[in-house]
Amino acid sequence: MDAKSYAPFYRYTDKKGNPHVVWFEDVRSLAAKFQLVREMKWKGMGGWQMNFPFPQDESLLWLNFKPQ
């Protein structure tokens, strides 16, 4: 977890020796982003998902906002 961006990541090296960093979302990082939206009093936000199951996202969304 990166403390500044509050986003999880991991590093790996492929078979050719090339380093990679993969950033992703989890419940903690998504909750932090929702908190920022509320604190900044933004009127909206958007998001997308690349066919990866994340069952908590809809529950977390309804707990924080009133989606339309």
PDB file of N, CA and C in Angstrom:
ATOM      1  N   MET A   1       0.852  -1.177   0.000  1.00  0.00           N
ATOM      2  CA  MET A   1       0.000   0.000   0.000  1.00  0.00           C
ATOM      3  C   MET A   1       0.893   1.233   0.000  1.00  0.00           C
ATOM      4  N   ASP A   2       0.674   2.093  -0.978  1.00  0.00           N
ATOM      5  CA  ASP A   2       1.415   3.350  -1.049  1.00  0.00           C
ATOM      6  C   ASP A   2       0.759   4.347  -0.098  1.00  0.00           C
ATOM      7  N   ALA A   3       1.518   4.871   0.840  1.00  0.00           N
ATOM      8  CA  ALA A   3       0.964   5.743   1.873  1.00  0.00           C
ATOM      9  C   ALA A   3       0.474   7.075   1.312  1.00  0.00           C
ATOM     10  N   LYS A   4       1.138   7.615   0.310  1.00  0.00           N
ATOM     11  CA  LYS A   4       0.758   8.928  -0.227  1.00  0.00           C
ATOM     12  C   LYS A   4      -0.527   8.855  -1.048  1.00  0.00           C
ATOM     13  N   SER A   5      -0.629   7.915  -1.952  1.00  0.00           N
ATOM     14  CA  SER A   5      -1.814   7.797  -2.808  1.00  0.00           C
ATOM     15  C   SER A   5      -2.868   6.881  -2.204  1.00  0.00           C
ATOM     16  N   TYR A   6      -2.526   6.184  -1.158  1.00  0.00           N
ATOM     17  CA  TYR A   6      -3.379   5.204  -0.490  1.00  0.00           C
ATOM     18  C   TYR A   6      -3.944   4.213  -1.501  1.00  0.00           C
ATOM     19  N   ALA A   7      -3.044   3.676  -2.309  1.00  0.00           N
ATOM     20  CA  ALA A   7      -3.424   2.692  -3.326  1.00  0.00           C
ATOM     21  C   ALA A   7      -2.499   1.481  -3.220  1.00  0.00           C
ATOM     22  N   PRO A   8      -3.067   0.279  -3.327  1.00  0.00           N
ATOM     23  CA  PRO A   8      -2.246  -0.926  -3.254  1.00  0.00           C
ATOM     24  C   PRO A   8      -1.530  -1.190  -4.584  1.00  0.00           C
ATOM     25  N   PHE A   9      -0.382  -1.827  -4.485  1.00  0.00           N
ATOM     26  CA  PHE A   9       0.399  -2.165  -5.673  1.00  0.00           C
ATOM     27  C   PHE A   9       1.297  -3.341  -5.353  1.00  0.00           C
ATOM     28  N   TYR A  10       1.831  -3.919  -6.397  1.00  0.00           N
ATOM     29  CA  TYR A  10       2.879  -4.921  -6.202  1.00  0.00           C
ATOM     30  C   TYR A  10       3.880  -4.814  -7.340  1.00  0.00           C
ATOM     31  N   ARG A  11       5.081  -5.261  -7.060  1.00  0.00           N
ATOM     32  CA  ARG A  11       6.170  -5.240  -8.044  1.00  0.00           C
ATOM     33  C   ARG A  11       6.544  -6.672  -8.388  1.00  0.00           C
ATOM     34  N   TYR A  12       6.935  -6.873  -9.628  1.00  0.00           N
ATOM     35  CA  TYR A  12       7.461  -8.177 -10.024  1.00  0.00           C
ATOM     36  C   TYR A  12       8.420  -7.982 -11.177  1.00  0.00           C
ATOM     37  N   THR A  13       9.234  -8.984 -11.415  1.00  0.00           N
ATOM     38  CA  THR A  13      10.185  -8.999 -12.521  1.00  0.00           C
ATOM     39  C   THR A  13       9.800 -10.152 -13.438  1.00  0.00           C
ATOM     40  N   ASP A  14       9.657  -9.844 -14.731  1.00  0.00           N
ATOM     41  CA  ASP A  14       9.255 -10.908 -15.657  1.00  0.00           C
ATOM     42  C   ASP A  14      10.449 -11.811 -15.992  1.00  0.00           C
ATOM     43  N   LYS A  15      10.217 -12.814 -16.800  1.00  0.00           N
ATOM     44  CA  LYS A  15      11.250 -13.804 -17.122  1.00  0.00           C
ATOM     45  C   LYS A  15      12.434 -13.206 -17.867  1.00  0.00           C
ATOM     46  N   LYS A  16      12.227 -12.050 -18.500  1.00  0.00           N
ATOM     47  CA  LYS A  16      13.317 -11.383 -19.219  1.00  0.00           C
ATOM     48  C   LYS A  16      14.075 -10.408 -18.333  1.00  0.00           C
ATOM     49  N   GLY A  17      13.669 -10.300 -17.071  1.00  0.00           N
ATOM     50  CA  GLY A  17      14.346  -9.409 -16.133  1.00  0.00           C
ATOM     51  C   GLY A  17      13.791  -7.996 -16.099  1.00  0.00           C
ATOM     52  N   ASN A  18      12.669  -7.751 -16.766  1.00  0.00           N
ATOM     53  CA  ASN A  18      12.068  -6.419 -16.783  1.00  0.00           C
ATOM     54  C   ASN A  18      11.202  -6.205 -15.539  1.00  0.00           C
ATOM     55  N   PRO A  19      11.452  -5.114 -14.820  1.00  0.00           N
ATOM     56  CA  PRO A  19      10.650  -4.837 -13.630  1.00  0.00           C
ATOM     57  C   PRO A  19       9.288  -4.251 -14.018  1.00  0.00           C
ATOM     58  N   HIS A  20       8.262  -4.570 -13.234  1.00  0.00           N
ATOM     59  CA  HIS A  20       6.915  -4.057 -13.467  1.00  0.00           C
ATOM     60  C   HIS A  20       6.297  -3.649 -12.133  1.00  0.00           C
ATOM     61  N   VAL A  21       5.394  -2.669 -12.196  1.00  0.00           N
ATOM     62  CA  VAL A  21       4.610  -2.268 -11.035  1.00  0.00           C
ATOM     63  C   VAL A  21       3.143  -2.325 -11.446  1.00  0.00           C
ATOM     64  N   VAL A  22       2.323  -2.992 -10.650  1.00  0.00           N
ATOM     65  CA  VAL A  22       0.896  -3.117 -10.930  1.00  0.00           C
ATOM     66  C   VAL A  22       0.124  -2.413  -9.817  1.00  0.00           C
ATOM     67  N   TRP A  23      -0.668  -1.404 -10.200  1.00  0.00           N
ATOM     68  CA  TRP A  23      -1.515  -0.674  -9.263  1.00  0.00           C
ATOM     69  C   TRP A  23      -2.942  -1.201  -9.412  1.00  0.00           C
ATOM     70  N   PHE A  24      -3.672  -1.278  -8.317  1.00  0.00           N
ATOM     71  CA  PHE A  24      -5.045  -1.765  -8.379  1.00  0.00           C
ATOM     72  C   PHE A  24      -5.853  -1.148  -7.241  1.00  0.00           C
ATOM     73  N   GLU A  25      -7.147  -1.381  -7.256  1.00  0.00           N
ATOM     74  CA  GLU A  25      -8.035  -0.878  -6.205  1.00  0.00           C
ATOM     75  C   GLU A  25      -8.440  -2.021  -5.282  1.00  0.00           C
ATOM     76  N   ASP A  26      -8.694  -1.685  -4.038  1.00  0.00           N
ATOM     77  CA  ASP A  26      -9.308  -2.608  -3.098  1.00  0.00           C
ATOM     78  C   ASP A  26     -10.292  -1.809  -2.248  1.00  0.00           C
ATOM     79  N   VAL A  27     -10.912  -2.441  -1.286  1.00  0.00           N
ATOM     80  CA  VAL A  27     -11.915  -1.757  -0.479  1.00  0.00           C
ATOM     81  C   VAL A  27     -11.322  -0.538   0.224  1.00  0.00           C
ATOM     82  N   ARG A  28     -10.117  -0.659   0.739  1.00  0.00           N
ATOM     83  CA  ARG A  28      -9.495   0.464   1.464  1.00  0.00           C
ATOM     84  C   ARG A  28      -9.247   1.657   0.562  1.00  0.00           C
ATOM     85  N   SER A  29      -8.703   1.422  -0.639  1.00  0.00           N
ATOM     86  CA  SER A  29      -8.398   2.538  -1.533  1.00  0.00           C
ATOM     87  C   SER A  29      -9.673   3.168  -2.088  1.00  0.00           C
ATOM     88  N   LEU A  30     -10.666   2.346  -2.378  1.00  0.00           N
ATOM     89  CA  LEU A  30     -11.934   2.880  -2.884  1.00  0.00           C
ATOM     90  C   LEU A  30     -12.649   3.692  -1.804  1.00  0.00           C
ATOM     91  N   ALA A  31     -12.636   3.217  -0.570  1.00  0.00           N
ATOM     92  CA  ALA A  31     -13.244   3.965   0.537  1.00  0.00           C
ATOM     93  C   ALA A  31     -12.547   5.312   0.726  1.00  0.00           C
ATOM     94  N   ALA A  32     -11.227   5.347   0.580  1.00  0.00           N
ATOM     95  CA  ALA A  32     -10.475   6.597   0.703  1.00  0.00           C
ATOM     96  C   ALA A  32     -10.864   7.574  -0.408  1.00  0.00           C
ATOM     97  N   LYS A  33     -11.055   7.070  -1.620  1.00  0.00           N
ATOM     98  CA  LYS A  33     -11.474   7.936  -2.734  1.00  0.00           C
ATOM     99  C   LYS A  33     -12.886   8.467  -2.503  1.00  0.00           C
ATOM    100  N   PHE A  34     -13.785   7.630  -2.010  1.00  0.00           N
ATOM    101  CA  PHE A  34     -15.143   8.083  -1.709  1.00  0.00           C
ATOM    102  C   PHE A  34     -15.123   9.154  -0.624  1.00  0.00           C
ATOM    103  N   GLN A  35     -14.277   8.982   0.365  1.00  0.00           N
ATOM    104  CA  GLN A  35     -14.135   9.982   1.425  1.00  0.00           C
ATOM    105  C   GLN A  35     -13.667  11.309   0.841  1.00  0.00           C
ATOM    106  N   LEU A  36     -12.726  11.273  -0.082  1.00  0.00           N
ATOM    107  CA  LEU A  36     -12.232  12.496  -0.714  1.00  0.00           C
ATOM    108  C   LEU A  36     -13.356  13.201  -1.485  1.00  0.00           C
ATOM    109  N   VAL A  37     -14.169  12.442  -2.192  1.00  0.00           N
ATOM    110  CA  VAL A  37     -15.304  13.026  -2.931  1.00  0.00           C
ATOM    111  C   VAL A  37     -16.234  13.756  -1.963  1.00  0.00           C
ATOM    112  N   ARG A  38     -16.524  13.131  -0.823  1.00  0.00           N
ATOM    113  CA  ARG A  38     -17.393  13.776   0.161  1.00  0.00           C
ATOM    114  C   ARG A  38     -16.741  15.020   0.766  1.00  0.00           C
ATOM    115  N   GLU A  39     -15.459  14.922   1.126  1.00  0.00           N
ATOM    116  CA  GLU A  39     -14.763  16.060   1.734  1.00  0.00           C
ATOM    117  C   GLU A  39     -14.681  17.252   0.790  1.00  0.00           C
ATOM    118  N   MET A  40     -14.457  16.980  -0.485  1.00  0.00           N
ATOM    119  CA  MET A  40     -14.323  18.058  -1.466  1.00  0.00           C
ATOM    120  C   MET A  40     -15.687  18.561  -1.958  1.00  0.00           C
ATOM    121  N   LYS A  41     -16.749  17.858  -1.553  1.00  0.00           N
ATOM    122  CA  LYS A  41     -18.122  18.199  -1.950  1.00  0.00           C
ATOM    123  C   LYS A  41     -18.278  18.236  -3.473  1.00  0.00           C
ATOM    124  N   TRP A  42     -17.625  17.270  -4.129  1.00  0.00           N
ATOM    125  CA  TRP A  42     -17.763  17.157  -5.578  1.00  0.00           C
ATOM    126  C   TRP A  42     -19.163  16.672  -5.907  1.00  0.00           C
ATOM    127  N   LYS A  43     -19.674  17.089  -7.037  1.00  0.00           N
ATOM    128  CA  LYS A  43     -21.043  16.752  -7.435  1.00  0.00           C
ATOM    129  C   LYS A  43     -21.146  15.404  -8.131  1.00  0.00           C
ATOM    130  N   GLY A  44     -20.035  14.807  -8.493  1.00  0.00           N
ATOM    131  CA  GLY A  44     -20.101  13.524  -9.171  1.00  0.00           C
ATOM    132  C   GLY A  44     -18.729  12.887  -9.290  1.00  0.00           C
ATOM    133  N   MET A  45     -18.755  11.663  -9.781  1.00  0.00           N
ATOM    134  CA  MET A  45     -17.531  10.907  -9.998  1.00  0.00           C
ATOM    135  C   MET A  45     -17.841   9.805 -11.002  1.00  0.00           C
ATOM    136  N   GLY A  46     -16.833   9.203 -11.534  1.00  0.00           N
ATOM    137  CA  GLY A  46     -17.025   8.117 -12.490  1.00  0.00           C
ATOM    138  C   GLY A  46     -16.046   6.994 -12.218  1.00  0.00           C
ATOM    139  N   GLY A  47     -16.298   5.877 -12.819  1.00  0.00           N
ATOM    140  CA  GLY A  47     -15.409   4.737 -12.655  1.00  0.00           C
ATOM    141  C   GLY A  47     -15.710   3.681 -13.693  1.00  0.00           C
ATOM    142  N   TRP A  48     -14.815   2.750 -13.828  1.00  0.00           N
ATOM    143  CA  TRP A  48     -15.019   1.643 -14.763  1.00  0.00           C
ATOM    144  C   TRP A  48     -14.320   0.418 -14.219  1.00  0.00           C
ATOM    145  N   GLN A  49     -14.677  -0.703 -14.749  1.00  0.00           N
ATOM    146  CA  GLN A  49     -14.144  -1.979 -14.285  1.00  0.00           C
ATOM    147  C   GLN A  49     -13.826  -2.846 -15.493  1.00  0.00           C
ATOM    148  N   MET A  50     -12.698  -3.540 -15.456  1.00  0.00           N
ATOM    149  CA  MET A  50     -12.262  -4.367 -16.584  1.00  0.00           C
ATOM    150  C   MET A  50     -12.568  -5.841 -16.350  1.00  0.00           C
ATOM    151  N   ASN A  51     -13.815  -6.163 -16.105  1.00  0.00           N
ATOM    152  CA  ASN A  51     -14.259  -7.545 -15.979  1.00  0.00           C
ATOM    153  C   ASN A  51     -13.540  -8.328 -14.868  1.00  0.00           C
ATOM    154  N   PHE A  52     -13.155  -7.614 -13.819  1.00  0.00           N
ATOM    155  CA  PHE A  52     -12.580  -8.274 -12.652  1.00  0.00           C
ATOM    156  C   PHE A  52     -13.599  -8.186 -11.528  1.00  0.00           C
ATOM    157  N   PRO A  53     -13.987  -9.288 -10.943  1.00  0.00           N
ATOM    158  CA  PRO A  53     -14.996  -9.238  -9.890  1.00  0.00           C
ATOM    159  C   PRO A  53     -14.492  -8.497  -8.652  1.00  0.00           C
ATOM    160  N   PHE A  54     -15.293  -7.610  -8.169  1.00  0.00           N
ATOM    161  CA  PHE A  54     -14.983  -6.837  -6.969  1.00  0.00           C
ATOM    162  C   PHE A  54     -16.314  -6.657  -6.240  1.00  0.00           C
ATOM    163  N   PRO A  55     -16.767  -7.693  -5.531  1.00  0.00           N
ATOM    164  CA  PRO A  55     -18.128  -7.700  -4.982  1.00  0.00           C
ATOM    165  C   PRO A  55     -18.431  -6.586  -3.989  1.00  0.00           C
ATOM    166  N   GLN A  56     -17.426  -6.027  -3.360  1.00  0.00           N
ATOM    167  CA  GLN A  56     -17.668  -4.995  -2.353  1.00  0.00           C
ATOM    168  C   GLN A  56     -17.957  -3.626  -2.956  1.00  0.00           C
ATOM    169  N   ASP A  57     -17.631  -3.419  -4.238  1.00  0.00           N
ATOM    170  CA  ASP A  57     -17.732  -2.074  -4.797  1.00  0.00           C
ATOM    171  C   ASP A  57     -19.152  -1.525  -4.775  1.00  0.00           C
ATOM    172  N   GLU A  58     -20.138  -2.323  -5.136  1.00  0.00           N
ATOM    173  CA  GLU A  58     -21.515  -1.820  -5.142  1.00  0.00           C
ATOM    174  C   GLU A  58     -22.013  -1.530  -3.734  1.00  0.00           C
ATOM    175  N   SER A  59     -21.703  -2.396  -2.786  1.00  0.00           N
ATOM    176  CA  SER A  59     -22.103  -2.157  -1.393  1.00  0.00           C
ATOM    177  C   SER A  59     -21.464  -0.895  -0.853  1.00  0.00           C
ATOM    178  N   LEU A  60     -20.185  -0.715  -1.124  1.00  0.00           N
ATOM    179  CA  LEU A  60     -19.463   0.465  -0.661  1.00  0.00           C
ATOM    180  C   LEU A  60     -20.040   1.727  -1.296  1.00  0.00           C
ATOM    181  N   LEU A  61     -20.386   1.646  -2.562  1.00  0.00           N
ATOM    182  CA  LEU A  61     -20.980   2.785  -3.260  1.00  0.00           C
ATOM    183  C   LEU A  61     -22.296   3.192  -2.603  1.00  0.00           C
ATOM    184  N   TRP A  62     -23.173   2.219  -2.336  1.00  0.00           N
ATOM    185  CA  TRP A  62     -24.471   2.517  -1.721  1.00  0.00           C
ATOM    186  C   TRP A  62     -24.316   3.009  -0.283  1.00  0.00           C
ATOM    187  N   LEU A  63     -23.294   2.554   0.422  1.00  0.00           N
ATOM    188  CA  LEU A  63     -23.070   3.042   1.791  1.00  0.00           C
ATOM    189  C   LEU A  63     -22.637   4.500   1.826  1.00  0.00           C
ATOM    190  N   ASN A  64     -21.964   4.946   0.767  1.00  0.00           N
ATOM    191  CA  ASN A  64     -21.397   6.302   0.756  1.00  0.00           C
ATOM    192  C   ASN A  64     -22.224   7.322  -0.007  1.00  0.00           C
ATOM    193  N   PHE A  65     -22.988   6.871  -1.006  1.00  0.00           N
ATOM    194  CA  PHE A  65     -23.685   7.801  -1.893  1.00  0.00           C
ATOM    195  C   PHE A  65     -25.081   7.279  -2.218  1.00  0.00           C
ATOM    196  N   LYS A  66     -25.805   8.072  -2.975  1.00  0.00           N
ATOM    197  CA  LYS A  66     -27.115   7.688  -3.493  1.00  0.00           C
ATOM    198  C   LYS A  66     -26.998   7.666  -5.032  1.00  0.00           C
ATOM    199  N   PRO A  67     -26.499   6.573  -5.600  1.00  0.00           N
ATOM    200  CA  PRO A  67     -26.304   6.521  -7.056  1.00  0.00           C
ATOM    201  C   PRO A  67     -27.613   6.746  -7.808  1.00  0.00           C
ATOM    202  N   GLN A  68     -27.477   7.381  -8.974  1.00  0.00           N
ATOM    203  CA  GLN A  68     -28.635   7.639  -9.829  1.00  0.00           C
ATOM    204  C   GLN A  68     -28.496   6.920 -11.148  1.00  0.00           C
TER     205      GLN A  68
END
